[in-house]
Protein backbone atom coordinates (compact mmCIF):
# COMPACT_ATOMS: atom_id res chain seq x y z
CA MET A 1 16.02 -15.85 -22.42
CA ALA A 2 18.79 -13.29 -22.69
CA THR A 3 21.08 -12.83 -19.74
CA ARG A 4 23.90 -10.83 -21.31
CA PRO A 5 23.70 -7.11 -20.45
CA ILE A 6 22.74 -4.76 -23.25
CA SER A 7 25.83 -2.72 -24.09
CA PRO A 8 25.93 1.04 -24.76
CA GLU A 9 26.62 0.19 -28.41
CA ASP A 10 23.46 -1.92 -28.50
CA HIS A 11 21.49 0.94 -26.97
CA ASP A 12 22.80 3.19 -29.74
CA ARG A 13 21.79 0.65 -32.41
CA ILE A 14 18.29 0.37 -31.00
CA ALA A 15 17.88 4.15 -30.76
CA ALA A 16 19.10 4.52 -34.34
CA ALA A 17 16.63 1.88 -35.54
CA ILE A 18 13.76 3.74 -33.87
CA ARG A 19 14.78 7.01 -35.51
CA VAL A 20 15.01 5.37 -38.94
CA VAL A 21 11.54 3.82 -38.84
CA GLU A 22 9.90 6.89 -37.32
CA ALA A 23 11.22 8.96 -40.23
CA LYS A 24 8.78 7.00 -42.43
CA THR A 25 5.66 7.05 -40.28
CA ASP A 26 3.52 9.19 -38.04
CA GLY A 27 3.58 6.32 -35.54
CA GLU A 28 5.76 6.17 -32.46
CA VAL A 29 7.80 3.19 -31.24
CA TYR A 30 8.87 2.79 -27.62
CA CYS A 31 10.99 -0.05 -26.20
CA VAL A 32 11.19 -1.35 -22.63
CA VAL A 33 13.07 -4.33 -21.20
CA ALA A 34 12.47 -5.47 -17.61
CA GLN A 35 14.74 -7.82 -15.71
CA SER A 36 11.67 -9.14 -13.89
CA SER A 37 8.02 -8.10 -13.63
CA ASP A 38 7.46 -9.17 -10.02
CA GLY A 39 9.32 -10.23 -6.89
CA TYR A 40 7.14 -13.37 -6.56
CA PHE A 41 7.83 -13.81 -2.85
CA PHE A 42 4.24 -14.47 -1.78
CA PRO A 43 3.25 -16.92 -4.56
CA ALA A 44 6.58 -18.72 -4.11
CA ALA A 45 6.06 -18.80 -0.33
CA PHE A 46 2.61 -20.32 -0.83
CA ALA A 47 4.06 -23.00 -3.12
CA GLY A 48 6.86 -23.65 -0.62
CA ALA A 49 4.42 -23.94 2.27
CA LEU A 50 2.24 -26.36 0.31
CA ALA A 51 5.27 -28.48 -0.62
CA THR A 52 6.41 -28.49 3.03
CA LEU A 53 2.99 -29.69 4.15
CA ILE A 54 2.89 -32.47 1.57
CA VAL A 55 6.42 -33.66 2.37
CA SER A 56 5.79 -33.57 6.13
CA LEU A 57 2.62 -35.64 5.75
CA ALA A 58 4.47 -38.14 3.56
CA VAL A 59 7.19 -38.42 6.22
CA ALA A 60 4.56 -38.88 8.94
CA TYR A 61 2.89 -41.71 7.05
CA GLY A 62 6.29 -43.26 6.36
CA LEU A 63 7.15 -43.21 10.04
CA GLU A 64 3.79 -44.70 10.91
CA ALA A 65 4.29 -47.48 8.38
CA SER A 66 7.68 -48.22 9.94
CA TRP A 67 6.10 -48.51 13.40
CA LEU A 68 7.81 -45.34 14.53
CA THR A 69 6.04 -42.52 16.30
CA ILE A 70 6.74 -38.87 16.86
CA ARG A 71 4.99 -36.70 19.41
CA LEU A 72 2.59 -34.17 17.93
CA PRO A 73 4.35 -31.10 19.42
CA HIS A 74 7.66 -32.30 17.98
CA PHE A 75 6.04 -32.95 14.61
CA VAL A 76 4.48 -29.48 14.48
CA LEU A 77 7.79 -27.92 15.54
CA ALA A 78 9.60 -29.78 12.78
CA GLN A 79 7.02 -28.51 10.27
CA LEU A 80 7.46 -24.93 11.45
CA LEU A 81 11.25 -25.18 11.28
CA ALA A 82 11.07 -26.60 7.76
CA LEU A 83 8.67 -23.89 6.65
CA GLY A 84 10.85 -21.20 8.25
CA SER A 85 13.89 -22.56 6.43
CA VAL A 86 12.03 -22.45 3.12
CA LEU A 87 10.91 -18.86 3.68
CA VAL A 88 14.42 -17.75 4.65
CA LEU A 89 15.84 -19.34 1.51
CA LEU A 90 13.22 -17.65 -0.67
CA TRP A 91 13.97 -14.31 0.99
CA ALA A 92 17.74 -14.68 0.63
CA LEU A 93 17.69 -16.17 -2.88
CA PRO A 94 15.11 -14.24 -4.93
CA GLY A 95 16.25 -15.92 -8.13
CA TRP A 96 14.72 -19.18 -6.91
CA ARG A 97 11.24 -17.77 -6.43
CA ILE A 98 10.15 -17.66 -10.05
CA HIS A 99 10.79 -21.39 -10.44
CA LEU A 100 8.03 -22.08 -7.90
CA VAL A 101 5.47 -19.93 -9.71
CA PRO A 102 3.24 -21.39 -12.46
CA ARG A 103 3.90 -20.09 -15.96
CA ARG A 104 0.38 -18.67 -16.18
CA LEU A 105 1.00 -16.43 -13.17
CA ARG A 106 4.40 -15.36 -14.53
CA TYR A 107 2.84 -14.37 -17.84
CA GLN A 108 0.04 -12.51 -16.07
CA ALA A 109 2.60 -10.50 -14.09
CA ALA A 110 4.61 -9.73 -17.23
CA HIS A 111 1.49 -8.70 -19.18
CA ALA A 112 0.40 -6.45 -16.31
CA ASN A 113 3.84 -4.84 -16.33
CA ALA A 114 3.64 -4.31 -20.10
CA MET A 115 0.33 -2.49 -19.71
CA LYS A 116 1.75 -0.49 -16.81
CA GLN A 117 4.71 0.61 -18.92
CA PHE A 118 2.42 1.44 -21.85
CA LEU A 119 0.56 3.90 -19.65
CA ALA A 120 3.46 5.13 -17.52
CA ARG A 121 5.60 5.97 -20.56
CA ASN A 122 2.70 7.87 -22.22
CA VAL A 123 2.67 5.60 -25.26
CA HIS A 124 -1.13 5.97 -25.17
CA ARG A 125 -0.97 9.76 -25.39
CA THR A 126 0.28 10.36 -28.93
CA SER A 127 -1.87 12.78 -30.90
CA ALA A 128 -3.16 10.18 -33.38
CA ARG A 129 -3.14 7.27 -30.89
CA THR A 130 -0.45 5.54 -32.95
CA GLY A 131 2.04 4.57 -30.26
CA VAL A 132 3.48 1.05 -30.05
CA LEU A 133 5.30 -0.46 -27.09
CA ILE A 134 7.77 -3.31 -27.63
CA PHE A 135 8.16 -4.95 -24.23
CA VAL A 136 10.36 -7.79 -22.93
CA SER A 137 10.49 -9.23 -19.40
CA ILE A 138 13.58 -11.39 -19.17
CA ALA A 139 12.92 -13.45 -16.03
CA GLU A 140 9.50 -14.53 -17.31
CA ARG A 141 10.78 -15.20 -20.86
CA TYR A 142 7.96 -12.99 -22.06
CA ALA A 143 7.59 -10.46 -24.87
CA GLU A 144 4.63 -8.41 -26.03
CA VAL A 145 3.76 -5.71 -28.54
CA VAL A 146 1.15 -3.29 -27.23
CA ALA A 147 -0.41 -1.00 -29.83
CA ASP A 148 -2.71 1.94 -29.21
CA SER A 149 -6.31 2.06 -30.39
CA GLY A 150 -5.56 3.99 -33.56
CA ILE A 151 -3.39 1.11 -34.77
CA ASN A 152 -5.43 -1.83 -33.51
CA SER A 153 -8.38 -0.69 -35.62
CA LYS A 154 -6.28 -1.43 -38.72
CA VAL A 155 -3.75 -4.09 -37.70
CA GLY A 156 -4.68 -7.58 -36.52
CA GLN A 157 -3.17 -9.25 -33.46
CA HIS A 158 -1.60 -11.95 -35.65
CA VAL A 159 0.81 -9.33 -37.01
CA TRP A 160 2.13 -8.52 -33.54
CA ASP A 161 2.24 -12.23 -32.67
CA GLY A 162 4.69 -12.72 -35.54
CA VAL A 163 6.87 -9.88 -34.27
CA VAL A 164 6.85 -11.41 -30.77
CA ARG A 165 7.87 -14.84 -32.09
CA GLU A 166 10.94 -13.40 -33.80
CA LEU A 167 11.80 -11.26 -30.79
CA THR A 168 11.66 -14.19 -28.38
CA ARG A 169 13.66 -16.35 -30.79
CA HIS A 170 16.48 -13.80 -30.81
CA ALA A 171 16.26 -13.41 -27.04
CA GLY A 172 16.46 -17.18 -26.61
CA ASP A 173 19.72 -17.10 -28.58
CA ASP A 174 21.03 -14.36 -26.24
CA ARG A 175 20.72 -11.77 -29.01
CA LEU A 176 18.16 -9.52 -27.39
CA ALA A 177 19.50 -6.32 -28.95
CA ASP A 178 19.28 -7.88 -32.43
CA GLY A 179 15.75 -8.96 -31.59
CA PHE A 180 14.76 -5.43 -30.63
CA VAL A 181 16.25 -4.01 -33.82
CA GLN A 182 14.34 -6.51 -35.98
CA ALA A 183 11.14 -5.98 -34.00
CA ILE A 184 11.47 -2.21 -34.45
CA GLU A 185 11.95 -2.65 -38.18
CA SER A 186 8.95 -4.98 -38.44
CA VAL A 187 6.71 -2.67 -36.42
CA GLY A 188 7.99 0.30 -38.40
CA ALA A 189 7.09 -1.36 -41.69
CA VAL A 190 3.53 -1.92 -40.47
CA LEU A 191 3.23 1.65 -39.25
CA ALA A 192 4.65 3.07 -42.48
CA GLU A 193 2.08 1.09 -44.46
CA HIS A 194 -0.92 2.28 -42.49
CA PHE A 195 0.35 5.60 -41.12
CA PRO A 196 2.90 7.08 -43.54
CA VAL A 197 4.72 10.18 -42.43
CA THR A 198 2.93 13.47 -43.07
CA ALA A 199 4.04 17.07 -43.06
CA GLY A 200 4.33 18.50 -39.59
CA ASP A 201 4.90 15.15 -37.89
CA THR A 202 6.70 15.55 -34.57
CA ASN A 203 8.61 13.11 -32.40
CA GLU A 204 6.37 12.58 -29.36
CA LEU A 205 8.26 9.83 -27.49
CA ASP A 206 11.90 9.28 -26.59
CA ASP A 207 13.89 7.22 -29.10
CA HIS A 208 15.73 4.80 -26.83
CA LEU A 209 15.47 1.51 -24.99
CA VAL A 210 14.44 1.79 -21.33
CA GLU A 211 15.81 -0.83 -18.92
CA ILE A 212 13.94 -1.37 -15.66
């Protein structure tokens, strides 16, 4: 997914896109991009420990097959040293951790972060319950659109799935800012259809991209 930093100009484009679509709807659009949704030290450490155990047992059987022996205390010490080395590497090189974590767990962490941001940013507290969060977690290669209850009663999940597909496609091409702009426009079109702007509408959420 995208690795290039989002420039101030891109932030301005995204903010402008939000303002344009919100001028046509009572809905609110909020955007968040996370570099990562978890540190993954403990699941990566578990995977590393399991791999160390498997490799050490394979080595032990290989030595036995070659008519070589190693004293049990020495074998256990070698295992502990190997495990310690793995843990030190995972602590010193956090970028490696996510590669040891199953995709399902990565997506669970990213989804949990999306829901956390939805609540923490008060997207669920608009007066008509018409807030929408567009969320991306870069390390997990994950994107999600979270809509409040007032919208979900009228808009099916397949609509948001289409927005996510386009957003992740742009992010995969290292055009995350373009992906956000298109996602905002797509979400805005849906909101304008079901929740057109009415007199007295107020801007209830900030119109910018939040990076965490």
